[in-house]
Amino acid sequence: MVLALLTYLLGVQLPTFTINIPLNKQLQALNVDRMDEAMHESARLDFEPRWNQWNLTRTPLACFVSALLILVLFRL
C-alpha cells in the first residue's frame, strides 16, 4: 500500500502538477486565432515533446499503481 501511495504521489501527481499543468496553462494562454502557421508550429514544438514525455511516464506508473491496489484488494 505504501509503495502504491509513493508511486502515485511522486510518479503521477508530482509531474502532473509541476510539469503537465503548467504546460497546459501556457498552451491555453496562446491566442491561436492570431497565430500564423510558423507560430503554430513553434508553439507545438515548445509544448508537445515535453508534455508527451511526461505523459508517457505518468501513464505506466498510474497503471502500476492501479495493479498494486487491485492486488491489495484481493489480499484483504
PDB file of N, CA and C in Angstrom:
ATOM      1  N   MET A   1       0.825  -1.186   0.000  1.00  0.00           N
ATOM      2  CA  MET A   1       0.000   0.000   0.000  1.00  0.00           C
ATOM      3  C   MET A   1       0.877   1.260   0.000  1.00  0.00           C
ATOM      4  N   VAL A   2       1.960   1.218   0.779  1.00  0.00           N
ATOM      5  CA  VAL A   2       2.874   2.361   0.844  1.00  0.00           C
ATOM      6  C   VAL A   2       3.555   2.567  -0.504  1.00  0.00           C
ATOM      7  N   LEU A   3       3.961   1.482  -1.150  1.00  0.00           N
ATOM      8  CA  LEU A   3       4.575   1.580  -2.478  1.00  0.00           C
ATOM      9  C   LEU A   3       3.613   2.203  -3.477  1.00  0.00           C
ATOM     10  N   ALA A   4       2.357   1.795  -3.432  1.00  0.00           N
ATOM     11  CA  ALA A   4       1.349   2.365  -4.332  1.00  0.00           C
ATOM     12  C   ALA A   4       1.176   3.860  -4.060  1.00  0.00           C
ATOM     13  N   LEU A   5       1.112   4.234  -2.801  1.00  0.00           N
ATOM     14  CA  LEU A   5       0.933   5.636  -2.441  1.00  0.00           C
ATOM     15  C   LEU A   5       2.117   6.486  -2.904  1.00  0.00           C
ATOM     16  N   LEU A   6       3.326   6.027  -2.613  1.00  0.00           N
ATOM     17  CA  LEU A   6       4.511   6.797  -3.009  1.00  0.00           C
ATOM     18  C   LEU A   6       4.647   6.893  -4.522  1.00  0.00           C
ATOM     19  N   THR A   7       4.380   5.794  -5.214  1.00  0.00           N
ATOM     20  CA  THR A   7       4.449   5.808  -6.678  1.00  0.00           C
ATOM     21  C   THR A   7       3.420   6.767  -7.250  1.00  0.00           C
ATOM     22  N   TYR A   8       2.233   6.751  -6.700  1.00  0.00           N
ATOM     23  CA  TYR A   8       1.178   7.648  -7.174  1.00  0.00           C
ATOM     24  C   TYR A   8       1.537   9.108  -6.923  1.00  0.00           C
ATOM     25  N   LEU A   9       1.969   9.421  -5.716  1.00  0.00           N
ATOM     26  CA  LEU A   9       2.269  10.810  -5.381  1.00  0.00           C
ATOM     27  C   LEU A   9       3.482  11.336  -6.139  1.00  0.00           C
ATOM     28  N   LEU A  10       4.559  10.553  -6.176  1.00  0.00           N
ATOM     29  CA  LEU A  10       5.803  11.015  -6.788  1.00  0.00           C
ATOM     30  C   LEU A  10       5.862  10.791  -8.295  1.00  0.00           C
ATOM     31  N   GLY A  11       5.223   9.740  -8.781  1.00  0.00           N
ATOM     32  CA  GLY A  11       5.327   9.398 -10.191  1.00  0.00           C
ATOM     33  C   GLY A  11       4.176   9.861 -11.052  1.00  0.00           C
ATOM     34  N   VAL A  12       3.034  10.140 -10.428  1.00  0.00           N
ATOM     35  CA  VAL A  12       1.856  10.565 -11.188  1.00  0.00           C
ATOM     36  C   VAL A  12       1.476  12.009 -10.849  1.00  0.00           C
ATOM     37  N   GLN A  13       1.224  12.271  -9.583  1.00  0.00           N
ATOM     38  CA  GLN A  13       0.736  13.596  -9.204  1.00  0.00           C
ATOM     39  C   GLN A  13       1.805  14.686  -9.264  1.00  0.00           C
ATOM     40  N   LEU A  14       3.008  14.399  -8.808  1.00  0.00           N
ATOM     41  CA  LEU A  14       4.059  15.412  -8.820  1.00  0.00           C
ATOM     42  C   LEU A  14       4.358  15.906 -10.241  1.00  0.00           C
ATOM     43  N   PRO A  15       4.592  15.005 -11.216  1.00  0.00           N
ATOM     44  CA  PRO A  15       4.792  15.505 -12.581  1.00  0.00           C
ATOM     45  C   PRO A  15       3.557  16.207 -13.157  1.00  0.00           C
ATOM     46  N   THR A  16       2.383  15.758 -12.774  1.00  0.00           N
ATOM     47  CA  THR A  16       1.163  16.411 -13.256  1.00  0.00           C
ATOM     48  C   THR A  16       1.137  17.871 -12.821  1.00  0.00           C
ATOM     49  N   PHE A  17       1.376  18.115 -11.536  1.00  0.00           N
ATOM     50  CA  PHE A  17       1.284  19.471 -11.007  1.00  0.00           C
ATOM     51  C   PHE A  17       2.478  20.349 -11.363  1.00  0.00           C
ATOM     52  N   THR A  18       3.656  19.754 -11.510  1.00  0.00           N
ATOM     53  CA  THR A  18       4.848  20.573 -11.758  1.00  0.00           C
ATOM     54  C   THR A  18       5.193  20.728 -13.230  1.00  0.00           C
ATOM     55  N   ILE A  19       4.710  19.816 -14.070  1.00  0.00           N
ATOM     56  CA  ILE A  19       5.089  19.858 -15.489  1.00  0.00           C
ATOM     57  C   ILE A  19       3.872  19.977 -16.406  1.00  0.00           C
ATOM     58  N   ASN A  20       2.976  19.008 -16.348  1.00  0.00           N
ATOM     59  CA  ASN A  20       1.884  18.967 -17.319  1.00  0.00           C
ATOM     60  C   ASN A  20       0.889  20.116 -17.163  1.00  0.00           C
ATOM     61  N   ILE A  21       0.492  20.435 -15.960  1.00  0.00           N
ATOM     62  CA  ILE A  21      -0.468  21.529 -15.774  1.00  0.00           C
ATOM     63  C   ILE A  21       0.127  22.870 -16.187  1.00  0.00           C
ATOM     64  N   PRO A  22       1.361  23.208 -15.787  1.00  0.00           N
ATOM     65  CA  PRO A  22       1.935  24.466 -16.284  1.00  0.00           C
ATOM     66  C   PRO A  22       2.044  24.510 -17.817  1.00  0.00           C
ATOM     67  N   LEU A  23       2.387  23.389 -18.444  1.00  0.00           N
ATOM     68  CA  LEU A  23       2.426  23.357 -19.912  1.00  0.00           C
ATOM     69  C   LEU A  23       1.034  23.586 -20.500  1.00  0.00           C
ATOM     70  N   ASN A  24       0.029  22.972 -19.890  1.00  0.00           N
ATOM     71  CA  ASN A  24      -1.342  23.173 -20.361  1.00  0.00           C
ATOM     72  C   ASN A  24      -1.762  24.636 -20.245  1.00  0.00           C
ATOM     73  N   LYS A  25      -1.366  25.282 -19.144  1.00  0.00           N
ATOM     74  CA  LYS A  25      -1.711  26.694 -18.948  1.00  0.00           C
ATOM     75  C   LYS A  25      -1.017  27.578 -19.987  1.00  0.00           C
ATOM     76  N   GLN A  26       0.239  27.259 -20.330  1.00  0.00           N
ATOM     77  CA  GLN A  26       0.937  28.010 -21.376  1.00  0.00           C
ATOM     78  C   GLN A  26       0.214  27.854 -22.707  1.00  0.00           C
ATOM     79  N   LEU A  27      -0.230  26.655 -22.989  1.00  0.00           N
ATOM     80  CA  LEU A  27      -0.944  26.393 -24.232  1.00  0.00           C
ATOM     81  C   LEU A  27      -2.278  27.127 -24.260  1.00  0.00           C
ATOM     82  N   GLN A  28      -2.959  27.140 -23.142  1.00  0.00           N
ATOM     83  CA  GLN A  28      -4.247  27.826 -23.043  1.00  0.00           C
ATOM     84  C   GLN A  28      -4.111  29.331 -23.245  1.00  0.00           C
ATOM     85  N   ALA A  29      -2.974  29.880 -22.865  1.00  0.00           N
ATOM     86  CA  ALA A  29      -2.765  31.325 -22.949  1.00  0.00           C
ATOM     87  C   ALA A  29      -2.511  31.799 -24.391  1.00  0.00           C
ATOM     88  N   LEU A  30      -2.242  30.868 -25.299  1.00  0.00           N
ATOM     89  CA  LEU A  30      -1.978  31.258 -26.680  1.00  0.00           C
ATOM     90  C   LEU A  30      -3.263  31.720 -27.369  1.00  0.00           C
ATOM     91  N   ASN A  31      -3.130  32.736 -28.175  1.00  0.00           N
ATOM     92  CA  ASN A  31      -4.254  33.204 -28.988  1.00  0.00           C
ATOM     93  C   ASN A  31      -4.071  32.615 -30.390  1.00  0.00           C
ATOM     94  N   VAL A  32      -4.618  31.437 -30.592  1.00  0.00           N
ATOM     95  CA  VAL A  32      -4.391  30.714 -31.842  1.00  0.00           C
ATOM     96  C   VAL A  32      -5.019  31.402 -33.053  1.00  0.00           C
ATOM     97  N   ASP A  33      -6.025  32.223 -32.827  1.00  0.00           N
ATOM     98  CA  ASP A  33      -6.644  32.937 -33.942  1.00  0.00           C
ATOM     99  C   ASP A  33      -5.708  33.975 -34.549  1.00  0.00           C
ATOM    100  N   ARG A  34      -4.763  34.444 -33.769  1.00  0.00           N
ATOM    101  CA  ARG A  34      -3.839  35.484 -34.248  1.00  0.00           C
ATOM    102  C   ARG A  34      -2.468  34.920 -34.631  1.00  0.00           C
ATOM    103  N   MET A  35      -2.334  33.617 -34.631  1.00  0.00           N
ATOM    104  CA  MET A  35      -1.041  32.999 -34.938  1.00  0.00           C
ATOM    105  C   MET A  35      -1.008  32.530 -36.389  1.00  0.00           C
ATOM    106  N   ASP A  36       0.157  32.692 -37.015  1.00  0.00           N
ATOM    107  CA  ASP A  36       0.314  32.143 -38.359  1.00  0.00           C
ATOM    108  C   ASP A  36       0.834  30.705 -38.248  1.00  0.00           C
ATOM    109  N   GLU A  37       1.036  30.060 -39.371  1.00  0.00           N
ATOM    110  CA  GLU A  37       1.437  28.650 -39.390  1.00  0.00           C
ATOM    111  C   GLU A  37       2.775  28.429 -38.686  1.00  0.00           C
ATOM    112  N   ALA A  38       3.732  29.322 -38.898  1.00  0.00           N
ATOM    113  CA  ALA A  38       5.047  29.182 -38.264  1.00  0.00           C
ATOM    114  C   ALA A  38       4.937  29.313 -36.745  1.00  0.00           C
ATOM    115  N   MET A  39       4.094  30.206 -36.283  1.00  0.00           N
ATOM    116  CA  MET A  39       3.900  30.378 -34.844  1.00  0.00           C
ATOM    117  C   MET A  39       3.213  29.154 -34.234  1.00  0.00           C
ATOM    118  N   HIS A  40       2.264  28.579 -34.976  1.00  0.00           N
ATOM    119  CA  HIS A  40       1.608  27.348 -34.515  1.00  0.00           C
ATOM    120  C   HIS A  40       2.636  26.241 -34.345  1.00  0.00           C
ATOM    121  N   GLU A  41       3.473  26.076 -35.366  1.00  0.00           N
ATOM    122  CA  GLU A  41       4.485  25.021 -35.345  1.00  0.00           C
ATOM    123  C   GLU A  41       5.467  25.236 -34.192  1.00  0.00           C
ATOM    124  N   SER A  42       5.885  26.459 -33.983  1.00  0.00           N
ATOM    125  CA  SER A  42       6.813  26.775 -32.904  1.00  0.00           C
ATOM    126  C   SER A  42       6.188  26.480 -31.540  1.00  0.00           C
ATOM    127  N   ALA A  43       4.947  26.884 -31.361  1.00  0.00           N
ATOM    128  CA  ALA A  43       4.246  26.633 -30.102  1.00  0.00           C
ATOM    129  C   ALA A  43       4.092  25.135 -29.865  1.00  0.00           C
ATOM    130  N   ARG A  44       3.790  24.414 -30.920  1.00  0.00           N
ATOM    131  CA  ARG A  44       3.634  22.965 -30.792  1.00  0.00           C
ATOM    132  C   ARG A  44       4.955  22.305 -30.415  1.00  0.00           C
ATOM    133  N   LEU A  45       6.046  22.738 -31.044  1.00  0.00           N
ATOM    134  CA  LEU A  45       7.350  22.162 -30.726  1.00  0.00           C
ATOM    135  C   LEU A  45       7.812  22.520 -29.318  1.00  0.00           C
ATOM    136  N   ASP A  46       7.380  23.646 -28.810  1.00  0.00           N
ATOM    137  CA  ASP A  46       7.700  24.019 -27.428  1.00  0.00           C
ATOM    138  C   ASP A  46       6.914  23.191 -26.424  1.00  0.00           C
ATOM    139  N   PHE A  47       5.718  22.782 -26.797  1.00  0.00           N
ATOM    140  CA  PHE A  47       4.797  22.114 -25.879  1.00  0.00           C
ATOM    141  C   PHE A  47       4.852  20.587 -25.966  1.00  0.00           C
ATOM    142  N   GLU A  48       4.688  20.076 -27.162  1.00  0.00           N
ATOM    143  CA  GLU A  48       4.376  18.664 -27.356  1.00  0.00           C
ATOM    144  C   GLU A  48       5.442  17.667 -26.884  1.00  0.00           C
ATOM    145  N   PRO A  49       6.719  17.834 -27.206  1.00  0.00           N
ATOM    146  CA  PRO A  49       7.683  16.802 -26.784  1.00  0.00           C
ATOM    147  C   PRO A  49       7.758  16.621 -25.263  1.00  0.00           C
ATOM    148  N   ARG A  50       7.802  17.703 -24.545  1.00  0.00           N
ATOM    149  CA  ARG A  50       7.910  17.603 -23.081  1.00  0.00           C
ATOM    150  C   ARG A  50       6.623  17.052 -22.472  1.00  0.00           C
ATOM    151  N   TRP A  51       5.479  17.524 -22.976  1.00  0.00           N
ATOM    152  CA  TRP A  51       4.208  17.039 -22.442  1.00  0.00           C
ATOM    153  C   TRP A  51       4.062  15.541 -22.701  1.00  0.00           C
ATOM    154  N   ASN A  52       4.373  15.113 -23.922  1.00  0.00           N
ATOM    155  CA  ASN A  52       4.271  13.685 -24.257  1.00  0.00           C
ATOM    156  C   ASN A  52       5.223  12.836 -23.431  1.00  0.00           C
ATOM    157  N   GLN A  53       6.446  13.329 -23.245  1.00  0.00           N
ATOM    158  CA  GLN A  53       7.425  12.589 -22.453  1.00  0.00           C
ATOM    159  C   GLN A  53       6.888  12.316 -21.052  1.00  0.00           C
ATOM    160  N   TRP A  54       6.373  13.337 -20.420  1.00  0.00           N
ATOM    161  CA  TRP A  54       5.882  13.153 -19.056  1.00  0.00           C
ATOM    162  C   TRP A  54       4.571  12.386 -19.014  1.00  0.00           C
ATOM    163  N   ASN A  55       3.744  12.520 -20.041  1.00  0.00           N
ATOM    164  CA  ASN A  55       2.521  11.731 -20.083  1.00  0.00           C
ATOM    165  C   ASN A  55       2.857  10.249 -20.247  1.00  0.00           C
ATOM    166  N   LEU A  56       3.893   9.957 -21.034  1.00  0.00           N
ATOM    167  CA  LEU A  56       4.322   8.566 -21.211  1.00  0.00           C
ATOM    168  C   LEU A  56       5.017   8.018 -19.967  1.00  0.00           C
ATOM    169  N   THR A  57       5.419   8.875 -19.077  1.00  0.00           N
ATOM    170  CA  THR A  57       5.958   8.439 -17.786  1.00  0.00           C
ATOM    171  C   THR A  57       4.826   8.212 -16.794  1.00  0.00           C
ATOM    172  N   ARG A  58       3.883   9.138 -16.762  1.00  0.00           N
ATOM    173  CA  ARG A  58       2.792   9.055 -15.788  1.00  0.00           C
ATOM    174  C   ARG A  58       1.844   7.888 -16.059  1.00  0.00           C
ATOM    175  N   THR A  59       1.565   7.614 -17.317  1.00  0.00           N
ATOM    176  CA  THR A  59       0.570   6.590 -17.656  1.00  0.00           C
ATOM    177  C   THR A  59       0.970   5.199 -17.163  1.00  0.00           C
ATOM    178  N   PRO A  60       2.176   4.704 -17.477  1.00  0.00           N
ATOM    179  CA  PRO A  60       2.527   3.376 -16.950  1.00  0.00           C
ATOM    180  C   PRO A  60       2.597   3.338 -15.422  1.00  0.00           C
ATOM    181  N   LEU A  61       3.035   4.434 -14.817  1.00  0.00           N
ATOM    182  CA  LEU A  61       3.076   4.466 -13.354  1.00  0.00           C
ATOM    183  C   LEU A  61       1.671   4.412 -12.766  1.00  0.00           C
ATOM    184  N   ALA A  62       0.726   5.107 -13.383  1.00  0.00           N
ATOM    185  CA  ALA A  62      -0.662   5.056 -12.914  1.00  0.00           C
ATOM    186  C   ALA A  62      -1.230   3.639 -13.083  1.00  0.00           C
ATOM    187  N   CYS A  63      -0.879   2.978 -14.173  1.00  0.00           N
ATOM    188  CA  CYS A  63      -1.318   1.587 -14.371  1.00  0.00           C
ATOM    189  C   CYS A  63      -0.711   0.670 -13.321  1.00  0.00           C
ATOM    190  N   PHE A  64       0.567   0.881 -13.016  1.00  0.00           N
ATOM    191  CA  PHE A  64       1.252   0.100 -11.987  1.00  0.00           C
ATOM    192  C   PHE A  64       0.568   0.287 -10.633  1.00  0.00           C
ATOM    193  N   VAL A  65       0.253   1.517 -10.293  1.00  0.00           N
ATOM    194  CA  VAL A  65      -0.435   1.805  -9.030  1.00  0.00           C
ATOM    195  C   VAL A  65      -1.795   1.114  -9.003  1.00  0.00           C
ATOM    196  N   SER A  66      -2.522   1.184 -10.095  1.00  0.00           N
ATOM    197  CA  SER A  66      -3.833   0.512 -10.161  1.00  0.00           C
ATOM    198  C   SER A  66      -3.687  -0.987  -9.946  1.00  0.00           C
ATOM    199  N   ALA A  67      -2.688  -1.597 -10.590  1.00  0.00           N
ATOM    200  CA  ALA A  67      -2.460  -3.034 -10.422  1.00  0.00           C
ATOM    201  C   ALA A  67      -2.096  -3.363  -8.977  1.00  0.00           C
ATOM    202  N   LEU A  68      -1.251  -2.545  -8.369  1.00  0.00           N
ATOM    203  CA  LEU A  68      -0.902  -2.778  -6.963  1.00  0.00           C
ATOM    204  C   LEU A  68      -2.136  -2.704  -6.062  1.00  0.00           C
ATOM    205  N   LEU A  69      -2.967  -1.709  -6.298  1.00  0.00           N
ATOM    206  CA  LEU A  69      -4.161  -1.571  -5.457  1.00  0.00           C
ATOM    207  C   LEU A  69      -5.142  -2.719  -5.678  1.00  0.00           C
ATOM    208  N   ILE A  70      -5.226  -3.224  -6.884  1.00  0.00           N
ATOM    209  CA  ILE A  70      -6.081  -4.401  -7.137  1.00  0.00           C
ATOM    210  C   ILE A  70      -5.541  -5.605  -6.392  1.00  0.00           C
ATOM    211  N   LEU A  71      -4.211  -5.785  -6.420  1.00  0.00           N
ATOM    212  CA  LEU A  71      -3.608  -6.889  -5.681  1.00  0.00           C
ATOM    213  C   LEU A  71      -3.866  -6.766  -4.175  1.00  0.00           C
ATOM    214  N   VAL A  72      -3.734  -5.567  -3.659  1.00  0.00           N
ATOM    215  CA  VAL A  72      -4.007  -5.332  -2.236  1.00  0.00           C
ATOM    216  C   VAL A  72      -5.474  -5.663  -1.929  1.00  0.00           C
ATOM    217  N   LEU A  73      -6.363  -5.244  -2.798  1.00  0.00           N
ATOM    218  CA  LEU A  73      -7.792  -5.505  -2.591  1.00  0.00           C
ATOM    219  C   LEU A  73      -8.082  -6.995  -2.524  1.00  0.00           C
ATOM    220  N   PHE A  74      -7.460  -7.780  -3.398  1.00  0.00           N
ATOM    221  CA  PHE A  74      -7.712  -9.218  -3.400  1.00  0.00           C
ATOM    222  C   PHE A  74      -7.051  -9.931  -2.216  1.00  0.00           C
ATOM    223  N   ARG A  75      -6.058  -9.320  -1.626  1.00  0.00           N
ATOM    224  CA  ARG A  75      -5.403  -9.932  -0.472  1.00  0.00           C
ATOM    225  C   ARG A  75      -6.138  -9.623   0.833  1.00  0.00           C
ATOM    226  N   LEU A  76      -7.074  -8.683   0.807  1.00  0.00           N
ATOM    227  CA  LEU A  76      -7.831  -8.360   2.045  1.00  0.00           C
ATOM    228  C   LEU A  76      -8.862  -9.403   2.365  1.00  0.00           C
TER     229      LEU A  76
END
